[in-house]
Amino acid sequence: MAGADGITVHLRGDRRHIQDQDVRALRTAVITHLNLEMAATGEMIDIAAAILPNTATLVPERAGEVTTEGGLDSVSNEAALRDAAARIKAAGVLVSIFLDPVPAQIEAAARIGSQQIELCTARYAELTDPRHPAEASAIDDELVRIAEAARLAGEAGLQVAAGHGLTYRNVGQVARILPLEELNIGHSIVARAALVGMERAVREMIDAIRG
């Protein structure tokens, strides 16, 4: 209601973040875009096929992690991911894969049949952390790496999203990268909302993205 273009949720195998019924409720309530992050397991594929989010983003999961720690290895898991992508697409859901900005990973995603990739910006977030900021040259190098990955994905015919650790302070430089067209941001907005309310937090992020 505050102007976000969509909602992203991660239904984990251990259900730590959100429950099945929450995803079903969101599918009814969200009239813009619902992105379901999920592991490439049979259980999750069946859920995606039943609930029909607009996008299913395949992400890695590790027991005990607080949040997703990096991109999915599409190179090493190409055969399994190809099968998962085919099953999701057959249900009429757009397939996205969460990847580190590495050319080989993007090339594998294209072969798998993914229609979109989401570039992991974790390294960029670490470099721009105001508690221990990196040298400007290191930040610039990471932005170039992200931009090159986005360009490669675009040339392969993939839609391009990005996310992980983006904040009000660091989102602007990523938002200017083309052909990137989607940013998935959670923690920063929710943390800000605890202080100023969700509506203002969302609108402030929209302003930060627009520069």
C-alpha atoms as a PDB file:
ATOM      1  CA  MET A   1       0.000   0.000   0.000  1.00  0.00           C
ATOM      2  CA  ALA A   2       3.023   2.264   0.439  1.00  0.00           C
ATOM      3  CA  GLY A   3       4.079   1.834  -3.169  1.00  0.00           C
ATOM      4  CA  ALA A   4       6.301  -1.256  -3.282  1.00  0.00           C
ATOM      5  CA  ASP A   5       6.160  -2.906  -6.692  1.00  0.00           C
ATOM      6  CA  GLY A   6       6.097  -6.400  -5.225  1.00  0.00           C
ATOM      7  CA  ILE A   7       6.662  -8.657  -2.248  1.00  0.00           C
ATOM      8  CA  THR A   8       9.410 -11.265  -1.885  1.00  0.00           C
ATOM      9  CA  VAL A   9       9.209 -14.044   0.705  1.00  0.00           C
ATOM     10  CA  HIS A  10      11.399 -17.067   1.384  1.00  0.00           C
ATOM     11  CA  LEU A  11       9.554 -20.246   2.294  1.00  0.00           C
ATOM     12  CA  ARG A  12      12.315 -22.339   3.841  1.00  0.00           C
ATOM     13  CA  GLY A  13      12.289 -26.058   4.311  1.00  0.00           C
ATOM     14  CA  ASP A  14      12.328 -25.563   8.084  1.00  0.00           C
ATOM     15  CA  ARG A  15       9.682 -22.798   7.856  1.00  0.00           C
ATOM     16  CA  ARG A  16      11.752 -20.369   9.983  1.00  0.00           C
ATOM     17  CA  HIS A  17      10.807 -17.257   8.040  1.00  0.00           C
ATOM     18  CA  ILE A  18       7.260 -17.713   6.840  1.00  0.00           C
ATOM     19  CA  GLN A  19       4.611 -20.410   6.814  1.00  0.00           C
ATOM     20  CA  ASP A  20       2.724 -22.061   3.973  1.00  0.00           C
ATOM     21  CA  GLN A  21      -0.522 -20.358   4.934  1.00  0.00           C
ATOM     22  CA  ASP A  22       1.199 -16.973   4.868  1.00  0.00           C
ATOM     23  CA  VAL A  23       2.244 -17.508   1.264  1.00  0.00           C
ATOM     24  CA  ARG A  24      -1.292 -18.520   0.341  1.00  0.00           C
ATOM     25  CA  ALA A  25      -2.661 -15.395   2.035  1.00  0.00           C
ATOM     26  CA  LEU A  26      -0.141 -13.224   0.226  1.00  0.00           C
ATOM     27  CA  ARG A  27      -1.072 -14.778  -3.116  1.00  0.00           C
ATOM     28  CA  THR A  28      -4.612 -13.601  -2.469  1.00  0.00           C
ATOM     29  CA  ALA A  29      -3.615 -10.145  -1.197  1.00  0.00           C
ATOM     30  CA  VAL A  30      -0.707  -9.132  -3.440  1.00  0.00           C
ATOM     31  CA  ILE A  31      -2.074  -7.754  -6.698  1.00  0.00           C
ATOM     32  CA  THR A  32       1.270  -6.472  -7.990  1.00  0.00           C
ATOM     33  CA  HIS A  33       4.064  -9.087  -7.981  1.00  0.00           C
ATOM     34  CA  LEU A  34       4.717 -11.992  -5.631  1.00  0.00           C
ATOM     35  CA  ASN A  35       8.215 -13.533  -5.697  1.00  0.00           C
ATOM     36  CA  LEU A  36       8.637 -16.812  -3.844  1.00  0.00           C
ATOM     37  CA  GLU A  37      12.221 -17.636  -2.895  1.00  0.00           C
ATOM     38  CA  MET A  38      12.663 -21.370  -2.439  1.00  0.00           C
ATOM     39  CA  ALA A  39      15.085 -24.261  -2.592  1.00  0.00           C
ATOM     40  CA  ALA A  40      14.937 -26.415  -5.719  1.00  0.00           C
ATOM     41  CA  THR A  41      13.285 -29.337  -3.924  1.00  0.00           C
ATOM     42  CA  GLY A  42      10.305 -31.402  -4.954  1.00  0.00           C
ATOM     43  CA  GLU A  43       8.301 -30.143  -1.983  1.00  0.00           C
ATOM     44  CA  MET A  44       8.865 -26.491  -2.862  1.00  0.00           C
ATOM     45  CA  ILE A  45       8.230 -27.007  -6.554  1.00  0.00           C
ATOM     46  CA  ASP A  46       4.864 -28.585  -5.718  1.00  0.00           C
ATOM     47  CA  ILE A  47       4.004 -25.628  -3.466  1.00  0.00           C
ATOM     48  CA  ALA A  48       4.953 -23.121  -6.163  1.00  0.00           C
ATOM     49  CA  ALA A  49       2.846 -24.993  -8.708  1.00  0.00           C
ATOM     50  CA  ALA A  50      -0.136 -24.911  -6.345  1.00  0.00           C
ATOM     51  CA  ILE A  51       0.148 -21.313  -5.118  1.00  0.00           C
ATOM     52  CA  LEU A  52       1.357 -19.808  -8.423  1.00  0.00           C
ATOM     53  CA  PRO A  53       3.517 -16.843  -7.415  1.00  0.00           C
ATOM     54  CA  ASN A  54       4.505 -14.570 -10.278  1.00  0.00           C
ATOM     55  CA  THR A  55       8.140 -15.618  -9.877  1.00  0.00           C
ATOM     56  CA  ALA A  56       9.877 -18.528  -8.184  1.00  0.00           C
ATOM     57  CA  THR A  57      13.477 -17.677  -7.296  1.00  0.00           C
ATOM     58  CA  LEU A  58      15.689 -20.681  -6.652  1.00  0.00           C
ATOM     59  CA  VAL A  59      18.115 -20.046  -3.797  1.00  0.00           C
ATOM     60  CA  PRO A  60      20.557 -22.153  -1.767  1.00  0.00           C
ATOM     61  CA  GLU A  61      19.686 -23.208   1.761  1.00  0.00           C
ATOM     62  CA  ARG A  62      22.014 -24.336   4.510  1.00  0.00           C
ATOM     63  CA  ALA A  63      20.916 -25.595   7.914  1.00  0.00           C
ATOM     64  CA  GLY A  64      21.634 -23.050  10.616  1.00  0.00           C
ATOM     65  CA  GLU A  65      22.196 -20.035   8.393  1.00  0.00           C
ATOM     66  CA  VAL A  66      20.531 -16.792   9.503  1.00  0.00           C
ATOM     67  CA  THR A  67      19.752 -15.779   5.938  1.00  0.00           C
ATOM     68  CA  THR A  68      20.851 -16.789   2.462  1.00  0.00           C
ATOM     69  CA  GLU A  69      24.632 -16.516   2.389  1.00  0.00           C
ATOM     70  CA  GLY A  70      25.395 -16.388  -1.320  1.00  0.00           C
ATOM     71  CA  GLY A  71      24.332 -17.373  -4.773  1.00  0.00           C
ATOM     72  CA  LEU A  72      23.213 -20.795  -5.892  1.00  0.00           C
ATOM     73  CA  ASP A  73      25.877 -22.833  -7.693  1.00  0.00           C
ATOM     74  CA  SER A  74      24.148 -23.311 -11.028  1.00  0.00           C
ATOM     75  CA  VAL A  75      27.280 -24.771 -12.620  1.00  0.00           C
ATOM     76  CA  SER A  76      27.585 -27.729 -10.253  1.00  0.00           C
ATOM     77  CA  ASN A  77      23.829 -28.313 -10.077  1.00  0.00           C
ATOM     78  CA  GLU A  78      22.930 -27.739 -13.709  1.00  0.00           C
ATOM     79  CA  ALA A  79      21.057 -30.990 -14.342  1.00  0.00           C
ATOM     80  CA  ALA A  80      18.906 -30.799 -11.202  1.00  0.00           C
ATOM     81  CA  LEU A  81      18.154 -27.108 -11.748  1.00  0.00           C
ATOM     82  CA  ARG A  82      17.183 -27.726 -15.361  1.00  0.00           C
ATOM     83  CA  ASP A  83      14.566 -30.222 -14.191  1.00  0.00           C
ATOM     84  CA  ALA A  84      13.311 -27.847 -11.476  1.00  0.00           C
ATOM     85  CA  ALA A  85      13.081 -24.948 -13.920  1.00  0.00           C
ATOM     86  CA  ALA A  86      11.133 -27.028 -16.413  1.00  0.00           C
ATOM     87  CA  ARG A  87       8.603 -28.117 -13.777  1.00  0.00           C
ATOM     88  CA  ILE A  88       8.109 -24.557 -12.515  1.00  0.00           C
ATOM     89  CA  LYS A  89       7.740 -23.124 -16.007  1.00  0.00           C
ATOM     90  CA  ALA A  90       5.201 -25.824 -16.856  1.00  0.00           C
ATOM     91  CA  ALA A  91       3.031 -24.420 -14.049  1.00  0.00           C
ATOM     92  CA  GLY A  92       3.137 -20.975 -15.662  1.00  0.00           C
ATOM     93  CA  VAL A  93       5.529 -19.421 -13.116  1.00  0.00           C
ATOM     94  CA  LEU A  94       8.567 -17.360 -14.143  1.00  0.00           C
ATOM     95  CA  VAL A  95      11.839 -18.991 -13.051  1.00  0.00           C
ATOM     96  CA  SER A  96      14.646 -16.927 -11.498  1.00  0.00           C
ATOM     97  CA  ILE A  97      17.947 -18.103 -10.001  1.00  0.00           C
ATOM     98  CA  PHE A  98      19.850 -16.242  -7.275  1.00  0.00           C
ATOM     99  CA  LEU A  99      23.485 -16.095  -8.405  1.00  0.00           C
ATOM    100  CA  ASP A 100      26.800 -14.542  -7.548  1.00  0.00           C
ATOM    101  CA  PRO A 101      27.890 -12.101 -10.301  1.00  0.00           C
ATOM    102  CA  VAL A 102      30.119 -14.643 -12.027  1.00  0.00           C
ATOM    103  CA  PRO A 103      29.964 -15.168 -15.823  1.00  0.00           C
ATOM    104  CA  ALA A 104      30.053 -18.979 -15.640  1.00  0.00           C
ATOM    105  CA  GLN A 105      27.062 -19.000 -13.284  1.00  0.00           C
ATOM    106  CA  ILE A 106      25.037 -16.772 -15.591  1.00  0.00           C
ATOM    107  CA  GLU A 107      25.886 -18.867 -18.636  1.00  0.00           C
ATOM    108  CA  ALA A 108      24.770 -21.990 -16.769  1.00  0.00           C
ATOM    109  CA  ALA A 109      21.511 -20.290 -15.744  1.00  0.00           C
ATOM    110  CA  ALA A 110      20.761 -19.539 -19.386  1.00  0.00           C
ATOM    111  CA  ARG A 111      21.394 -23.171 -20.342  1.00  0.00           C
ATOM    112  CA  ILE A 112      19.182 -24.348 -17.464  1.00  0.00           C
ATOM    113  CA  GLY A 113      16.244 -22.398 -18.846  1.00  0.00           C
ATOM    114  CA  SER A 114      15.979 -19.694 -16.225  1.00  0.00           C
ATOM    115  CA  GLN A 115      14.073 -16.642 -17.416  1.00  0.00           C
ATOM    116  CA  GLN A 116      15.601 -14.275 -14.875  1.00  0.00           C
ATOM    117  CA  ILE A 117      18.612 -14.090 -12.604  1.00  0.00           C
ATOM    118  CA  GLU A 118      18.953 -12.222  -9.333  1.00  0.00           C
ATOM    119  CA  LEU A 119      22.504 -11.030  -8.745  1.00  0.00           C
ATOM    120  CA  CYS A 120      23.742 -11.417  -5.181  1.00  0.00           C
ATOM    121  CA  THR A 121      25.013  -8.059  -3.881  1.00  0.00           C
ATOM    122  CA  ALA A 122      26.362  -9.432  -0.585  1.00  0.00           C
ATOM    123  CA  ARG A 123      29.971  -8.531  -1.374  1.00  0.00           C
ATOM    124  CA  TYR A 124      28.997  -4.998  -2.359  1.00  0.00           C
ATOM    125  CA  ALA A 125      27.010  -4.677   0.881  1.00  0.00           C
ATOM    126  CA  GLU A 126      30.045  -5.751   2.906  1.00  0.00           C
ATOM    127  CA  LEU A 127      32.292  -3.247   1.134  1.00  0.00           C
ATOM    128  CA  THR A 128      29.856  -0.376   1.738  1.00  0.00           C
ATOM    129  CA  ASP A 129      29.131  -1.183   5.385  1.00  0.00           C
ATOM    130  CA  PRO A 130      29.656   2.171   7.183  1.00  0.00           C
ATOM    131  CA  ARG A 131      31.012   0.363  10.259  1.00  0.00           C
ATOM    132  CA  HIS A 132      34.099  -0.717   8.320  1.00  0.00           C
ATOM    133  CA  PRO A 133      34.003   0.748   4.811  1.00  0.00           C
ATOM    134  CA  ALA A 134      36.386  -0.462   2.134  1.00  0.00           C
ATOM    135  CA  GLU A 135      38.527   1.604  -0.203  1.00  0.00           C
ATOM    136  CA  ALA A 136      36.590   3.359  -2.952  1.00  0.00           C
ATOM    137  CA  SER A 137      38.500   1.380  -5.567  1.00  0.00           C
ATOM    138  CA  ALA A 138      37.307  -1.930  -4.121  1.00  0.00           C
ATOM    139  CA  ILE A 139      33.700  -0.721  -4.164  1.00  0.00           C
ATOM    140  CA  ASP A 140      34.083   0.467  -7.762  1.00  0.00           C
ATOM    141  CA  ASP A 141      35.547  -2.902  -8.772  1.00  0.00           C
ATOM    142  CA  GLU A 142      32.577  -4.742  -7.282  1.00  0.00           C
ATOM    143  CA  LEU A 143      30.127  -2.434  -9.039  1.00  0.00           C
ATOM    144  CA  VAL A 144      31.907  -3.172 -12.312  1.00  0.00           C
ATOM    145  CA  ARG A 145      31.637  -6.901 -11.587  1.00  0.00           C
ATOM    146  CA  ILE A 146      27.886  -6.572 -10.971  1.00  0.00           C
ATOM    147  CA  ALA A 147      27.423  -4.410 -14.063  1.00  0.00           C
ATOM    148  CA  GLU A 148      29.312  -6.862 -16.268  1.00  0.00           C
ATOM    149  CA  ALA A 149      27.229  -9.733 -14.943  1.00  0.00           C
ATOM    150  CA  ALA A 150      24.029  -7.785 -15.600  1.00  0.00           C
ATOM    151  CA  ARG A 151      25.173  -6.989 -19.143  1.00  0.00           C
ATOM    152  CA  LEU A 152      26.017 -10.626 -19.837  1.00  0.00           C
ATOM    153  CA  ALA A 153      22.626 -11.761 -18.518  1.00  0.00           C
ATOM    154  CA  GLY A 154      20.826  -9.198 -20.638  1.00  0.00           C
ATOM    155  CA  GLU A 155      22.687 -10.329 -23.735  1.00  0.00           C
ATOM    156  CA  ALA A 156      21.613 -13.902 -22.938  1.00  0.00           C
ATOM    157  CA  GLY A 157      17.973 -12.764 -22.956  1.00  0.00           C
ATOM    158  CA  LEU A 158      17.518 -12.965 -19.192  1.00  0.00           C
ATOM    159  CA  GLN A 159      15.677 -10.480 -17.021  1.00  0.00           C
ATOM    160  CA  VAL A 160      17.972  -9.091 -14.330  1.00  0.00           C
ATOM    161  CA  ALA A 161      17.251  -8.465 -10.649  1.00  0.00           C
ATOM    162  CA  ALA A 162      19.597  -7.865  -7.717  1.00  0.00           C
ATOM    163  CA  GLY A 163      19.489  -8.021  -3.953  1.00  0.00           C
ATOM    164  CA  HIS A 164      21.076  -8.957  -0.623  1.00  0.00           C
ATOM    165  CA  GLY A 165      22.240  -6.431   1.932  1.00  0.00           C
ATOM    166  CA  LEU A 166      21.099  -3.366   0.007  1.00  0.00           C
ATOM    167  CA  THR A 167      20.327  -0.343   2.176  1.00  0.00           C
ATOM    168  CA  TYR A 168      19.181   3.250   1.894  1.00  0.00           C
ATOM    169  CA  ARG A 169      22.843   4.302   1.762  1.00  0.00           C
ATOM    170  CA  ASN A 170      24.169   1.924  -0.882  1.00  0.00           C
ATOM    171  CA  VAL A 171      21.232   1.142  -3.177  1.00  0.00           C
ATOM    172  CA  GLY A 172      21.610   4.141  -5.476  1.00  0.00           C
ATOM    173  CA  GLN A 173      24.713   2.984  -7.325  1.00  0.00           C
ATOM    174  CA  VAL A 174      23.279  -0.472  -7.948  1.00  0.00           C
ATOM    175  CA  ALA A 175      19.939   0.954  -9.093  1.00  0.00           C
ATOM    176  CA  ARG A 176      21.676   2.791 -11.939  1.00  0.00           C
ATOM    177  CA  ILE A 177      23.039  -0.427 -13.476  1.00  0.00           C
ATOM    178  CA  LEU A 178      21.398  -1.509 -16.742  1.00  0.00           C
ATOM    179  CA  PRO A 179      19.684  -3.742 -17.751  1.00  0.00           C
ATOM    180  CA  LEU A 180      18.883  -4.383 -14.077  1.00  0.00           C
ATOM    181  CA  GLU A 181      15.145  -3.865 -13.558  1.00  0.00           C
ATOM    182  CA  GLU A 182      14.294  -5.251 -10.115  1.00  0.00           C
ATOM    183  CA  LEU A 183      15.694  -4.860  -6.601  1.00  0.00           C
ATOM    184  CA  ASN A 184      14.683  -7.155  -3.744  1.00  0.00           C
ATOM    185  CA  ILE A 185      15.230  -5.434  -0.384  1.00  0.00           C
ATOM    186  CA  GLY A 186      13.935  -6.680   2.943  1.00  0.00           C
ATOM    187  CA  HIS A 187      15.902  -6.224   6.148  1.00  0.00           C
ATOM    188  CA  SER A 188      16.804  -2.565   5.680  1.00  0.00           C
ATOM    189  CA  ILE A 189      13.184  -1.567   5.069  1.00  0.00           C
ATOM    190  CA  VAL A 190      11.790  -3.591   7.962  1.00  0.00           C
ATOM    191  CA  ALA A 191      14.455  -2.251  10.340  1.00  0.00           C
ATOM    192  CA  ARG A 192      13.676   1.303   9.285  1.00  0.00           C
ATOM    193  CA  ALA A 193       9.950   0.627   9.641  1.00  0.00           C
ATOM    194  CA  ALA A 194      10.454  -0.193  13.328  1.00  0.00           C
ATOM    195  CA  LEU A 195      11.376   3.473  13.787  1.00  0.00           C
ATOM    196  CA  VAL A 196       9.235   5.357  11.274  1.00  0.00           C
ATOM    197  CA  GLY A 197       6.491   2.948  10.197  1.00  0.00           C
ATOM    198  CA  MET A 198       6.254   0.755   7.112  1.00  0.00           C
ATOM    199  CA  GLU A 199       4.722   3.345   4.782  1.00  0.00           C
ATOM    200  CA  ARG A 200       7.476   5.911   5.318  1.00  0.00           C
ATOM    201  CA  ALA A 201      10.192   3.248   5.222  1.00  0.00           C
ATOM    202  CA  VAL A 202       9.004   1.975   1.833  1.00  0.00           C
ATOM    203  CA  ARG A 203       8.633   5.451   0.370  1.00  0.00           C
ATOM    204  CA  GLU A 204      12.111   6.434   1.551  1.00  0.00           C
ATOM    205  CA  MET A 205      13.568   3.372  -0.169  1.00  0.00           C
ATOM    206  CA  ILE A 206      11.729   4.183  -3.378  1.00  0.00           C
ATOM    207  CA  ASP A 207      13.247   7.678  -3.229  1.00  0.00           C
ATOM    208  CA  ALA A 208      16.714   6.205  -2.610  1.00  0.00           C
ATOM    209  CA  ILE A 209      16.348   3.902  -5.621  1.00  0.00           C
ATOM    210  CA  ARG A 210      15.232   6.753  -7.831  1.00  0.00           C
ATOM    211  CA  GLY A 211      18.158   8.860  -6.639  1.00  0.00           C
END
